[in-house]
């Protein structure tokens, strides 16, 4: 039977339990303390990254909403909105971008279609 990998949280829980135990030999406690510190740092960094990614996605959503508004009206911001739309479609992948382009193609202004290349 294959052993499953322990998550970082499970590893940290085990290290903390070992440090609290009276049965843990004193010569192991220094190594356990180092492992505890590295696990806590790793978990802290990963939660910070998740928070950054979430806020970045929220910012992207807001920018994309304003981009749609600018693409559907003929203003000075239309070329900038077309550039933002291109960058966004490159990020989401070929299948999703082609679907999104087909959906939005009906409401785009002619200037936006030229800028995007539709």
PDB file of N, CA and C in Angstrom:
ATOM      1  N   UNK A   1       0.837  -1.164   0.000  1.00  0.00           N
ATOM      2  CA  UNK A   1       0.000   0.000   0.000  1.00  0.00           C
ATOM      3  C   UNK A   1       0.894   1.243   0.000  1.00  0.00           C
ATOM      4  N   UNK A   2       0.580   2.179  -0.866  1.00  0.00           N
ATOM      5  CA  UNK A   2       1.390   3.386  -0.985  1.00  0.00           C
ATOM      6  C   UNK A   2       1.084   4.346   0.156  1.00  0.00           C
ATOM      7  N   UNK A   3       2.128   5.002   0.608  1.00  0.00           N
ATOM      8  CA  UNK A   3       1.936   6.001   1.660  1.00  0.00           C
ATOM      9  C   UNK A   3       1.577   7.328   1.030  1.00  0.00           C
ATOM     10  N   UNK A   4       0.674   8.032   1.651  1.00  0.00           N
ATOM     11  CA  UNK A   4       0.316   9.340   1.118  1.00  0.00           C
ATOM     12  C   UNK A   4       1.250  10.389   1.714  1.00  0.00           C
ATOM     13  N   UNK A   5       1.430  11.459   0.993  1.00  0.00           N
ATOM     14  CA  UNK A   5       2.293  12.527   1.478  1.00  0.00           C
ATOM     15  C   UNK A   5       1.535  13.370   2.489  1.00  0.00           C
ATOM     16  N   UNK A   6       2.246  13.767   3.509  1.00  0.00           N
ATOM     17  CA  UNK A   6       1.634  14.623   4.520  1.00  0.00           C
ATOM     18  C   UNK A   6       1.671  16.070   4.041  1.00  0.00           C
ATOM     19  N   UNK A   7       0.602  16.803   4.316  1.00  0.00           N
ATOM     20  CA  UNK A   7       0.580  18.221   3.978  1.00  0.00           C
ATOM     21  C   UNK A   7       1.490  18.962   4.952  1.00  0.00           C
ATOM     22  N   UNK A   8       1.804  20.190   4.617  1.00  0.00           N
ATOM     23  CA  UNK A   8       2.666  20.986   5.491  1.00  0.00           C
ATOM     24  C   UNK A   8       2.007  21.229   6.845  1.00  0.00           C
ATOM     25  N   UNK A   9       0.684  21.388   6.836  1.00  0.00           N
ATOM     26  CA  UNK A   9      -0.032  21.595   8.099  1.00  0.00           C
ATOM     27  C   UNK A   9       0.075  20.356   8.987  1.00  0.00           C
ATOM     28  N   UNK A  10      -0.057  19.188   8.380  1.00  0.00           N
ATOM     29  CA  UNK A  10       0.054  17.938   9.146  1.00  0.00           C
ATOM     30  C   UNK A  10       1.472  17.764   9.684  1.00  0.00           C
ATOM     31  N   UNK A  11       2.463  18.112   8.874  1.00  0.00           N
ATOM     32  CA  UNK A  11       3.845  18.019   9.330  1.00  0.00           C
ATOM     33  C   UNK A  11       4.081  18.944  10.517  1.00  0.00           C
ATOM     34  N   UNK A  12       3.573  20.163  10.423  1.00  0.00           N
ATOM     35  CA  UNK A  12       3.748  21.126  11.503  1.00  0.00           C
ATOM     36  C   UNK A  12       3.061  20.653  12.776  1.00  0.00           C
ATOM     37  N   UNK A  13       1.877  20.090  12.636  1.00  0.00           N
ATOM     38  CA  UNK A  13       1.153  19.561  13.785  1.00  0.00           C
ATOM     39  C   UNK A  13       1.971  18.449  14.464  1.00  0.00           C
ATOM     40  N   UNK A  14       2.577  17.576  13.673  1.00  0.00           N
ATOM     41  CA  UNK A  14       3.393  16.492  14.218  1.00  0.00           C
ATOM     42  C   UNK A  14       4.648  16.987  14.903  1.00  0.00           C
ATOM     43  N   UNK A  15       5.286  17.986  14.317  1.00  0.00           N
ATOM     44  CA  UNK A  15       6.489  18.554  14.926  1.00  0.00           C
ATOM     45  C   UNK A  15       6.143  19.214  16.247  1.00  0.00           C
ATOM     46  N   UNK A  16       5.040  19.944  16.291  1.00  0.00           N
ATOM     47  CA  UNK A  16       4.628  20.579  17.557  1.00  0.00           C
ATOM     48  C   UNK A  16       4.327  19.538  18.625  1.00  0.00           C
ATOM     49  N   UNK A  17       3.655  18.459  18.226  1.00  0.00           N
ATOM     50  CA  UNK A  17       3.348  17.395  19.187  1.00  0.00           C
ATOM     51  C   UNK A  17       4.620  16.747  19.705  1.00  0.00           C
ATOM     52  N   UNK A  18       5.583  16.544  18.816  1.00  0.00           N
ATOM     53  CA  UNK A  18       6.849  15.935  19.237  1.00  0.00           C
ATOM     54  C   UNK A  18       7.605  16.847  20.192  1.00  0.00           C
ATOM     55  N   UNK A  19       7.542  18.152  19.960  1.00  0.00           N
ATOM     56  CA  UNK A  19       8.230  19.091  20.851  1.00  0.00           C
ATOM     57  C   UNK A  19       7.583  19.130  22.227  1.00  0.00           C
ATOM     58  N   UNK A  20       6.270  18.962  22.295  1.00  0.00           N
ATOM     59  CA  UNK A  20       5.567  18.992  23.586  1.00  0.00           C
ATOM     60  C   UNK A  20       5.752  17.698  24.376  1.00  0.00           C
ATOM     61  N   UNK A  21       6.034  16.616  23.670  1.00  0.00           N
ATOM     62  CA  UNK A  21       6.097  15.312  24.315  1.00  0.00           C
ATOM     63  C   UNK A  21       7.317  15.202  25.237  1.00  0.00           C
ATOM     64  N   UNK A  22       7.096  14.546  26.383  1.00  0.00           N
ATOM     65  CA  UNK A  22       8.209  14.295  27.308  1.00  0.00           C
ATOM     66  C   UNK A  22       9.113  13.194  26.774  1.00  0.00           C
ATOM     67  N   UNK A  23       8.602  12.404  25.866  1.00  0.00           N
ATOM     68  CA  UNK A  23       9.358  11.263  25.350  1.00  0.00           C
ATOM     69  C   UNK A  23      10.368  11.634  24.270  1.00  0.00           C
ATOM     70  N   UNK A  24      10.292  12.852  23.741  1.00  0.00           N
ATOM     71  CA  UNK A  24      11.214  13.260  22.689  1.00  0.00           C
ATOM     72  C   UNK A  24      12.601  13.470  23.285  1.00  0.00           C
ATOM     73  N   UNK A  25      13.615  12.815  22.740  1.00  0.00           N
ATOM     74  CA  UNK A  25      14.977  12.975  23.263  1.00  0.00           C
ATOM     75  C   UNK A  25      15.475  14.409  23.106  1.00  0.00           C
ATOM     76  N   UNK A  26      16.228  14.904  24.070  1.00  0.00           N
ATOM     77  CA  UNK A  26      16.712  16.292  24.026  1.00  0.00           C
ATOM     78  C   UNK A  26      17.572  16.597  22.797  1.00  0.00           C
ATOM     79  N   UNK A  27      18.315  15.593  22.318  1.00  0.00           N
ATOM     80  CA  UNK A  27      19.178  15.846  21.167  1.00  0.00           C
ATOM     81  C   UNK A  27      18.370  16.076  19.878  1.00  0.00           C
ATOM     82  N   UNK A  28      17.096  15.679  19.838  1.00  0.00           N
ATOM     83  CA  UNK A  28      16.257  15.899  18.664  1.00  0.00           C
ATOM     84  C   UNK A  28      15.519  17.233  18.694  1.00  0.00           C
ATOM     85  N   UNK A  29      15.426  17.837  19.861  1.00  0.00           N
ATOM     86  CA  UNK A  29      14.601  19.048  19.991  1.00  0.00           C
ATOM     87  C   UNK A  29      15.137  20.221  19.170  1.00  0.00           C
ATOM     88  N   UNK A  30      16.445  20.349  19.062  1.00  0.00           N
ATOM     89  CA  UNK A  30      17.004  21.461  18.277  1.00  0.00           C
ATOM     90  C   UNK A  30      16.613  21.316  16.802  1.00  0.00           C
ATOM     91  N   UNK A  31      16.705  20.116  16.258  1.00  0.00           N
ATOM     92  CA  UNK A  31      16.316  19.886  14.871  1.00  0.00           C
ATOM     93  C   UNK A  31      14.830  20.083  14.661  1.00  0.00           C
ATOM     94  N   UNK A  32      14.029  19.662  15.636  1.00  0.00           N
ATOM     95  CA  UNK A  32      12.589  19.851  15.539  1.00  0.00           C
ATOM     96  C   UNK A  32      12.218  21.334  15.571  1.00  0.00           C
ATOM     97  N   UNK A  33      12.940  22.093  16.399  1.00  0.00           N
ATOM     98  CA  UNK A  33      12.688  23.544  16.452  1.00  0.00           C
ATOM     99  C   UNK A  33      12.989  24.188  15.092  1.00  0.00           C
ATOM    100  N   UNK A  34      14.106  23.779  14.464  1.00  0.00           N
ATOM    101  CA  UNK A  34      14.448  24.328  13.142  1.00  0.00           C
ATOM    102  C   UNK A  34      13.382  23.953  12.113  1.00  0.00           C
ATOM    103  N   UNK A  35      12.928  22.706  12.163  1.00  0.00           N
ATOM    104  CA  UNK A  35      11.896  22.259  11.222  1.00  0.00           C
ATOM    105  C   UNK A  35      10.592  23.022  11.444  1.00  0.00           C
ATOM    106  N   UNK A  36      10.246  23.243  12.705  1.00  0.00           N
ATOM    107  CA  UNK A  36       9.031  23.995  13.032  1.00  0.00           C
ATOM    108  C   UNK A  36       9.116  25.409  12.455  1.00  0.00           C
ATOM    109  N   UNK A  37      10.274  26.041  12.634  1.00  0.00           N
ATOM    110  CA  UNK A  37      10.451  27.406  12.142  1.00  0.00           C
ATOM    111  C   UNK A  37      10.337  27.444  10.617  1.00  0.00           C
ATOM    112  N   UNK A  38      10.981  26.480   9.926  1.00  0.00           N
ATOM    113  CA  UNK A  38      10.929  26.491   8.454  1.00  0.00           C
ATOM    114  C   UNK A  38       9.513  26.207   7.947  1.00  0.00           C
ATOM    115  N   UNK A  39       8.791  25.297   8.610  1.00  0.00           N
ATOM    116  CA  UNK A  39       7.412  25.013   8.202  1.00  0.00           C
ATOM    117  C   UNK A  39       6.517  26.227   8.409  1.00  0.00           C
ATOM    118  N   UNK A  40       6.686  26.915   9.529  1.00  0.00           N
ATOM    119  CA  UNK A  40       5.872  28.104   9.788  1.00  0.00           C
ATOM    120  C   UNK A  40       6.153  29.189   8.761  1.00  0.00           C
ATOM    121  N   UNK A  41       7.436  29.363   8.381  1.00  0.00           N
ATOM    122  CA  UNK A  41       7.775  30.364   7.370  1.00  0.00           C
ATOM    123  C   UNK A  41       7.175  29.996   6.019  1.00  0.00           C
ATOM    124  N   UNK A  42       7.274  28.715   5.661  1.00  0.00           N
ATOM    125  CA  UNK A  42       6.733  28.261   4.381  1.00  0.00           C
ATOM    126  C   UNK A  42       5.226  28.448   4.329  1.00  0.00           C
ATOM    127  N   UNK A  43       4.548  28.077   5.393  1.00  0.00           N
ATOM    128  CA  UNK A  43       3.096  28.230   5.427  1.00  0.00           C
ATOM    129  C   UNK A  43       2.696  29.691   5.406  1.00  0.00           C
ATOM    130  N   UNK A  44       3.459  30.539   6.080  1.00  0.00           N
ATOM    131  CA  UNK A  44       3.170  31.971   6.081  1.00  0.00           C
ATOM    132  C   UNK A  44       3.323  32.568   4.698  1.00  0.00           C
ATOM    133  N   UNK A  45       4.378  32.174   3.975  1.00  0.00           N
ATOM    134  CA  UNK A  45       4.607  32.692   2.629  1.00  0.00           C
ATOM    135  C   UNK A  45       3.528  32.225   1.668  1.00  0.00           C
ATOM    136  N   UNK A  46       3.113  30.961   1.801  1.00  0.00           N
ATOM    137  CA  UNK A  46       2.101  30.457   0.872  1.00  0.00           C
ATOM    138  C   UNK A  46       0.764  31.155   1.094  1.00  0.00           C
ATOM    139  N   UNK A  47       0.427  31.462   2.336  1.00  0.00           N
ATOM    140  CA  UNK A  47      -0.835  32.164   2.576  1.00  0.00           C
ATOM    141  C   UNK A  47      -0.764  33.606   2.071  1.00  0.00           C
ATOM    142  N   UNK A  48       0.431  34.225   2.159  1.00  0.00           N
ATOM    143  CA  UNK A  48       0.596  35.569   1.611  1.00  0.00           C
ATOM    144  C   UNK A  48       0.443  35.548   0.102  1.00  0.00           C
ATOM    145  N   UNK A  49       1.016  34.537  -0.548  1.00  0.00           N
ATOM    146  CA  UNK A  49       0.901  34.430  -2.007  1.00  0.00           C
ATOM    147  C   UNK A  49      -0.547  34.231  -2.425  1.00  0.00           C
ATOM    148  N   UNK A  50      -1.290  33.401  -1.677  1.00  0.00           N
ATOM    149  CA  UNK A  50      -2.690  33.190  -2.013  1.00  0.00           C
ATOM    150  C   UNK A  50      -3.464  34.488  -1.897  1.00  0.00           C
ATOM    151  N   UNK A  51      -3.162  35.283  -0.863  1.00  0.00           N
ATOM    152  CA  UNK A  51      -3.841  36.556  -0.680  1.00  0.00           C
ATOM    153  C   UNK A  51      -3.499  37.501  -1.819  1.00  0.00           C
ATOM    154  N   UNK A  52      -2.224  37.534  -2.220  1.00  0.00           N
ATOM    155  CA  UNK A  52      -1.826  38.396  -3.336  1.00  0.00           C
ATOM    156  C   UNK A  52      -2.513  37.979  -4.612  1.00  0.00           C
ATOM    157  N   UNK A  53      -2.578  36.678  -4.876  1.00  0.00           N
ATOM    158  CA  UNK A  53      -3.219  36.194  -6.095  1.00  0.00           C
ATOM    159  C   UNK A  53      -4.683  36.573  -6.110  1.00  0.00           C
ATOM    160  N   UNK A  54      -5.355  36.438  -4.963  1.00  0.00           N
ATOM    161  CA  UNK A  54      -6.770  36.784  -4.898  1.00  0.00           C
ATOM    162  C   UNK A  54      -6.973  38.259  -5.186  1.00  0.00           C
ATOM    163  N   UNK A  55      -6.159  39.128  -4.567  1.00  0.00           N
ATOM    164  CA  UNK A  55      -6.335  40.559  -4.780  1.00  0.00           C
ATOM    165  C   UNK A  55      -5.972  40.928  -6.217  1.00  0.00           C
ATOM    166  N   UNK A  56      -4.975  40.240  -6.793  1.00  0.00           N
ATOM    167  CA  UNK A  56      -4.618  40.496  -8.182  1.00  0.00           C
ATOM    168  C   UNK A  56      -5.772  40.121  -9.095  1.00  0.00           C
ATOM    169  N   UNK A  57      -6.425  39.024  -8.815  1.00  0.00           N
ATOM    170  CA  UNK A  57      -7.561  38.619  -9.629  1.00  0.00           C
ATOM    171  C   UNK A  57      -8.707  39.608  -9.501  1.00  0.00           C
ATOM    172  N   UNK A  58      -8.933  40.119  -8.291  1.00  0.00           N
ATOM    173  CA  UNK A  58      -9.979  41.122  -8.109  1.00  0.00           C
ATOM    174  C   UNK A  58      -9.661  42.384  -8.901  1.00  0.00           C
ATOM    175  N   UNK A  59      -8.384  42.787  -8.890  1.00  0.00           N
ATOM    176  CA  UNK A  59      -7.990  43.964  -9.657  1.00  0.00           C
ATOM    177  C   UNK A  59      -8.178  43.714 -11.149  1.00  0.00           C
ATOM    178  N   UNK A  60      -7.834  42.515 -11.586  1.00  0.00           N
ATOM    179  CA  UNK A  60      -8.020  42.181 -13.001  1.00  0.00           C
ATOM    180  C   UNK A  60      -9.493  42.214 -13.386  1.00  0.00           C
ATOM    181  N   UNK A  61     -10.351  41.710 -12.508  1.00  0.00           N
ATOM    182  CA  UNK A  61     -11.785  41.722 -12.793  1.00  0.00           C
ATOM    183  C   UNK A  61     -12.289  43.145 -12.967  1.00  0.00           C
ATOM    184  N   UNK A  62     -11.884  44.025 -12.059  1.00  0.00           N
ATOM    185  CA  UNK A  62     -12.320  45.415 -12.149  1.00  0.00           C
ATOM    186  C   UNK A  62     -11.805  46.074 -13.426  1.00  0.00           C
ATOM    187  N   UNK A  63     -10.549  45.799 -13.767  1.00  0.00           N
ATOM    188  CA  UNK A  63      -9.983  46.376 -14.986  1.00  0.00           C
ATOM    189  C   UNK A  63     -10.703  45.843 -16.218  1.00  0.00           C
ATOM    190  N   UNK A  64     -11.033  44.557 -16.197  1.00  0.00           N
ATOM    191  CA  UNK A  64     -11.724  43.968 -17.345  1.00  0.00           C
ATOM    192  C   UNK A  64     -13.128  44.548 -17.492  1.00  0.00           C
ATOM    193  N   UNK A  65     -13.812  44.801 -16.389  1.00  0.00           N
ATOM    194  CA  UNK A  65     -15.144  45.405 -16.463  1.00  0.00           C
ATOM    195  C   UNK A  65     -15.079  46.785 -17.112  1.00  0.00           C
ATOM    196  N   UNK A  66     -14.099  47.588 -16.705  1.00  0.00           N
ATOM    197  CA  UNK A  66     -13.974  48.920 -17.307  1.00  0.00           C
ATOM    198  C   UNK A  66     -13.532  48.812 -18.763  1.00  0.00           C
ATOM    199  N   UNK A  67     -12.757  47.754 -19.071  1.00  0.00           N
ATOM    200  CA  UNK A  67     -12.331  47.532 -20.456  1.00  0.00           C
ATOM    201  C   UNK A  67     -13.533  47.268 -21.350  1.00  0.00           C
ATOM    202  N   UNK A  68     -14.468  46.452 -20.894  1.00  0.00           N
ATOM    203  CA  UNK A  68     -15.659  46.171 -21.688  1.00  0.00           C
ATOM    204  C   UNK A  68     -16.455  47.441 -21.953  1.00  0.00           C
ATOM    205  N   UNK A  69     -16.559  48.283 -20.953  1.00  0.00           N
ATOM    206  CA  UNK A  69     -17.290  49.539 -21.136  1.00  0.00           C
ATOM    207  C   UNK A  69     -16.612  50.408 -22.187  1.00  0.00           C
ATOM    208  N   UNK A  70     -15.273  50.451 -22.162  1.00  0.00           N
ATOM    209  CA  UNK A  70     -14.544  51.275 -23.125  1.00  0.00           C
ATOM    210  C   UNK A  70     -14.557  50.667 -24.529  1.00  0.00           C
ATOM    211  N   UNK A  71     -14.618  49.350 -24.629  1.00  0.00           N
ATOM    212  CA  UNK A  71     -14.636  48.703 -25.939  1.00  0.00           C
ATOM    213  C   UNK A  71     -15.969  48.888 -26.655  1.00  0.00           C
ATOM    214  N   UNK A  72     -17.032  49.058 -25.901  1.00  0.00           N
ATOM    215  CA  UNK A  72     -18.353  49.178 -26.518  1.00  0.00           C
ATOM    216  C   UNK A  72     -18.726  50.616 -26.862  1.00  0.00           C
ATOM    217  N   UNK A  73     -17.935  51.575 -26.426  1.00  0.00           N
ATOM    218  CA  UNK A  73     -18.200  52.967 -26.785  1.00  0.00           C
ATOM    219  C   UNK A  73     -16.970  53.525 -27.489  1.00  0.00           C
ATOM    220  N   UNK A  74     -17.188  54.394 -28.432  1.00  0.00           N
ATOM    221  CA  UNK A  74     -16.088  54.947 -29.222  1.00  0.00           C
ATOM    222  C   UNK A  74     -15.538  56.181 -28.511  1.00  0.00           C
ATOM    223  N   UNK A  75     -14.493  55.991 -27.713  1.00  0.00           N
ATOM    224  CA  UNK A  75     -13.877  57.087 -26.968  1.00  0.00           C
ATOM    225  C   UNK A  75     -12.372  57.054 -27.187  1.00  0.00           C
ATOM    226  N   UNK A  76     -11.685  57.976 -26.546  1.00  0.00           N
ATOM    227  CA  UNK A  76     -10.223  58.015 -26.636  1.00  0.00           C
ATOM    228  C   UNK A  76      -9.594  56.830 -25.895  1.00  0.00           C
ATOM    229  N   UNK A  77     -10.333  56.222 -24.991  1.00  0.00           N
ATOM    230  CA  UNK A  77      -9.805  55.096 -24.214  1.00  0.00           C
ATOM    231  C   UNK A  77      -9.971  53.751 -24.925  1.00  0.00           C
ATOM    232  N   UNK A  78     -10.605  53.744 -26.076  1.00  0.00           N
ATOM    233  CA  UNK A  78     -10.862  52.484 -26.790  1.00  0.00           C
ATOM    234  C   UNK A  78      -9.572  51.747 -27.166  1.00  0.00           C
ATOM    235  N   UNK A  79      -8.536  52.414 -27.719  1.00  0.00           N
ATOM    236  CA  UNK A  79      -7.294  51.679 -28.033  1.00  0.00           C
ATOM    237  C   UNK A  79      -6.622  51.085 -26.787  1.00  0.00           C
ATOM    238  N   UNK A  80      -6.645  51.816 -25.691  1.00  0.00           N
ATOM    239  CA  UNK A  80      -6.083  51.301 -24.442  1.00  0.00           C
ATOM    240  C   UNK A  80      -6.874  50.088 -23.973  1.00  0.00           C
ATOM    241  N   UNK A  81      -8.184  50.161 -24.068  1.00  0.00           N
ATOM    242  CA  UNK A  81      -9.029  49.036 -23.665  1.00  0.00           C
ATOM    243  C   UNK A  81      -8.776  47.826 -24.563  1.00  0.00           C
ATOM    244  N   UNK A  82      -8.551  48.054 -25.841  1.00  0.00           N
ATOM    245  CA  UNK A  82      -8.253  46.950 -26.755  1.00  0.00           C
ATOM    246  C   UNK A  82      -6.937  46.284 -26.383  1.00  0.00           C
ATOM    247  N   UNK A  83      -5.965  47.090 -26.009  1.00  0.00           N
ATOM    248  CA  UNK A  83      -4.675  46.537 -25.580  1.00  0.00           C
ATOM    249  C   UNK A  83      -4.833  45.707 -24.310  1.00  0.00           C
ATOM    250  N   UNK A  84      -5.593  46.217 -23.347  1.00  0.00           N
ATOM    251  CA  UNK A  84      -5.855  45.469 -22.111  1.00  0.00           C
ATOM    252  C   UNK A  84      -6.586  44.164 -22.398  1.00  0.00           C
ATOM    253  N   UNK A  85      -7.543  44.220 -23.318  1.00  0.00           N
ATOM    254  CA  UNK A  85      -8.302  43.025 -23.676  1.00  0.00           C
ATOM    255  C   UNK A  85      -7.392  41.975 -24.303  1.00  0.00           C
ATOM    256  N   UNK A  86      -6.466  42.400 -25.172  1.00  0.00           N
ATOM    257  CA  UNK A  86      -5.514  41.463 -25.778  1.00  0.00           C
ATOM    258  C   UNK A  86      -4.658  40.786 -24.715  1.00  0.00           C
ATOM    259  N   UNK A  87      -4.151  41.580 -23.773  1.00  0.00           N
ATOM    260  CA  UNK A  87      -3.315  41.018 -22.702  1.00  0.00           C
ATOM    261  C   UNK A  87      -4.105  40.002 -21.883  1.00  0.00           C
ATOM    262  N   UNK A  88      -5.350  40.340 -21.590  1.00  0.00           N
ATOM    263  CA  UNK A  88      -6.173  39.428 -20.798  1.00  0.00           C
ATOM    264  C   UNK A  88      -6.441  38.132 -21.552  1.00  0.00           C
ATOM    265  N   UNK A  89      -6.753  38.232 -22.839  1.00  0.00           N
ATOM    266  CA  UNK A  89      -7.035  37.016 -23.606  1.00  0.00           C
ATOM    267  C   UNK A  89      -5.791  36.152 -23.762  1.00  0.00           C
ATOM    268  N   UNK A  90      -4.613  36.761 -23.781  1.00  0.00           N
ATOM    269  CA  UNK A  90      -3.382  35.962 -23.822  1.00  0.00           C
ATOM    270  C   UNK A  90      -3.174  35.194 -22.520  1.00  0.00           C
ATOM    271  N   UNK A  91      -3.612  35.770 -21.401  1.00  0.00           N
ATOM    272  CA  UNK A  91      -3.452  35.116 -20.100  1.00  0.00           C
ATOM    273  C   UNK A  91      -4.393  33.927 -19.926  1.00  0.00           C
ATOM    274  N   UNK A  92      -5.593  34.023 -20.462  1.00  0.00           N
ATOM    275  CA  UNK A  92      -6.592  32.986 -20.152  1.00  0.00           C
ATOM    276  C   UNK A  92      -6.504  31.763 -21.043  1.00  0.00           C
ATOM    277  N   UNK A  93      -5.704  31.808 -22.083  1.00  0.00           N
ATOM    278  CA  UNK A  93      -5.551  30.628 -22.917  1.00  0.00           C
ATOM    279  C   UNK A  93      -6.318  30.715 -24.217  1.00  0.00           C
ATOM    280  N   UNK A  94      -5.960  29.853 -25.176  1.00  0.00           N
ATOM    281  CA  UNK A  94      -6.530  29.973 -26.531  1.00  0.00           C
ATOM    282  C   UNK A  94      -8.014  29.637 -26.616  1.00  0.00           C
ATOM    283  N   UNK A  95      -8.459  28.619 -25.927  1.00  0.00           N
ATOM    284  CA  UNK A  95      -9.863  28.207 -26.048  1.00  0.00           C
ATOM    285  C   UNK A  95     -10.779  29.257 -25.420  1.00  0.00           C
ATOM    286  N   UNK A  96     -10.451  29.644 -24.202  1.00  0.00           N
ATOM    287  CA  UNK A  96     -11.282  30.633 -23.509  1.00  0.00           C
ATOM    288  C   UNK A  96     -11.246  31.981 -24.218  1.00  0.00           C
ATOM    289  N   UNK A  97     -10.067  32.350 -24.734  1.00  0.00           N
ATOM    290  CA  UNK A  97      -9.990  33.647 -25.420  1.00  0.00           C
ATOM    291  C   UNK A  97     -10.796  33.654 -26.712  1.00  0.00           C
ATOM    292  N   UNK A  98     -10.796  32.540 -27.449  1.00  0.00           N
ATOM    293  CA  UNK A  98     -11.596  32.519 -28.685  1.00  0.00           C
ATOM    294  C   UNK A  98     -13.085  32.603 -28.378  1.00  0.00           C
ATOM    295  N   UNK A  99     -13.516  31.945 -27.322  1.00  0.00           N
ATOM    296  CA  UNK A  99     -14.930  32.019 -26.926  1.00  0.00           C
ATOM    297  C   UNK A  99     -15.293  33.437 -26.512  1.00  0.00           C
ATOM    298  N   UNK A 100     -14.430  34.060 -25.696  1.00  0.00           N
ATOM    299  CA  UNK A 100     -14.687  35.424 -25.239  1.00  0.00           C
ATOM    300  C   UNK A 100     -14.703  36.394 -26.410  1.00  0.00           C
ATOM    301  N   UNK A 101     -13.797  36.219 -27.369  1.00  0.00           N
ATOM    302  CA  UNK A 101     -13.777  37.094 -28.540  1.00  0.00           C
ATOM    303  C   UNK A 101     -15.042  36.944 -29.374  1.00  0.00           C
ATOM    304  N   UNK A 102     -15.529  35.718 -29.526  1.00  0.00           N
ATOM    305  CA  UNK A 102     -16.767  35.505 -30.287  1.00  0.00           C
ATOM    306  C   UNK A 102     -17.950  36.166 -29.598  1.00  0.00           C
ATOM    307  N   UNK A 103     -17.974  36.106 -28.281  1.00  0.00           N
ATOM    308  CA  UNK A 103     -19.083  36.708 -27.529  1.00  0.00           C
ATOM    309  C   UNK A 103     -19.048  38.231 -27.647  1.00  0.00           C
ATOM    310  N   UNK A 104     -17.881  38.799 -27.459  1.00  0.00           N
ATOM    311  CA  UNK A 104     -17.795  40.261 -27.420  1.00  0.00           C
ATOM    312  C   UNK A 104     -17.748  40.899 -28.807  1.00  0.00           C
ATOM    313  N   UNK A 105     -17.483  40.115 -29.840  1.00  0.00           N
ATOM    314  CA  UNK A 105     -17.362  40.648 -31.196  1.00  0.00           C
ATOM    315  C   UNK A 105     -18.623  41.375 -31.657  1.00  0.00           C
ATOM    316  N   UNK A 106     -19.766  40.949 -31.187  1.00  0.00           N
ATOM    317  CA  UNK A 106     -21.021  41.560 -31.640  1.00  0.00           C
ATOM    318  C   UNK A 106     -21.243  42.958 -31.079  1.00  0.00           C
ATOM    319  N   UNK A 107     -20.638  43.274 -29.940  1.00  0.00           N
ATOM    320  CA  UNK A 107     -20.889  44.572 -29.315  1.00  0.00           C
ATOM    321  C   UNK A 107     -19.721  45.547 -29.448  1.00  0.00           C
ATOM    322  N   UNK A 108     -18.609  45.119 -30.026  1.00  0.00           N
ATOM    323  CA  UNK A 108     -17.442  45.996 -30.152  1.00  0.00           C
ATOM    324  C   UNK A 108     -17.676  47.076 -31.195  1.00  0.00           C
ATOM    325  N   UNK A 109     -17.024  48.205 -30.979  1.00  0.00           N
ATOM    326  CA  UNK A 109     -17.047  49.251 -31.997  1.00  0.00           C
ATOM    327  C   UNK A 109     -16.044  48.886 -33.084  1.00  0.00           C
ATOM    328  N   UNK A 110     -16.133  49.550 -34.219  1.00  0.00           N
ATOM    329  CA  UNK A 110     -15.238  49.248 -35.335  1.00  0.00           C
ATOM    330  C   UNK A 110     -13.780  49.554 -34.966  1.00  0.00           C
ATOM    331  N   UNK A 111     -13.563  50.630 -34.229  1.00  0.00           N
ATOM    332  CA  UNK A 111     -12.198  50.981 -33.826  1.00  0.00           C
ATOM    333  C   UNK A 111     -11.606  49.897 -32.922  1.00  0.00           C
ATOM    334  N   UNK A 112     -12.420  49.373 -32.034  1.00  0.00           N
ATOM    335  CA  UNK A 112     -11.958  48.315 -31.138  1.00  0.00           C
ATOM    336  C   UNK A 112     -11.666  47.029 -31.915  1.00  0.00           C
ATOM    337  N   UNK A 113     -12.499  46.729 -32.912  1.00  0.00           N
ATOM    338  CA  UNK A 113     -12.263  45.525 -33.734  1.00  0.00           C
ATOM    339  C   UNK A 113     -10.945  45.634 -34.486  1.00  0.00           C
ATOM    340  N   UNK A 114     -10.660  46.823 -35.002  1.00  0.00           N
ATOM    341  CA  UNK A 114      -9.402  47.032 -35.720  1.00  0.00           C
ATOM    342  C   UNK A 114      -8.208  46.899 -34.768  1.00  0.00           C
ATOM    343  N   UNK A 115      -8.335  47.471 -33.577  1.00  0.00           N
ATOM    344  CA  UNK A 115      -7.230  47.430 -32.614  1.00  0.00           C
ATOM    345  C   UNK A 115      -6.947  45.995 -32.149  1.00  0.00           C
ATOM    346  N   UNK A 116      -7.990  45.225 -31.963  1.00  0.00           N
ATOM    347  CA  UNK A 116      -7.839  43.849 -31.484  1.00  0.00           C
ATOM    348  C   UNK A 116      -7.418  42.932 -32.625  1.00  0.00           C
ATOM    349  N   UNK A 117      -7.871  43.232 -33.809  1.00  0.00           N
ATOM    350  CA  UNK A 117      -7.541  42.416 -34.968  1.00  0.00           C
ATOM    351  C   UNK A 117      -8.634  41.435 -35.333  1.00  0.00           C
ATOM    352  N   UNK A 118      -9.869  41.792 -35.065  1.00  0.00           N
ATOM    353  CA  UNK A 118     -10.999  40.926 -35.408  1.00  0.00           C
ATOM    354  C   UNK A 118     -11.600  41.309 -36.746  1.00  0.00           C
TER     355      UNK A 118
END
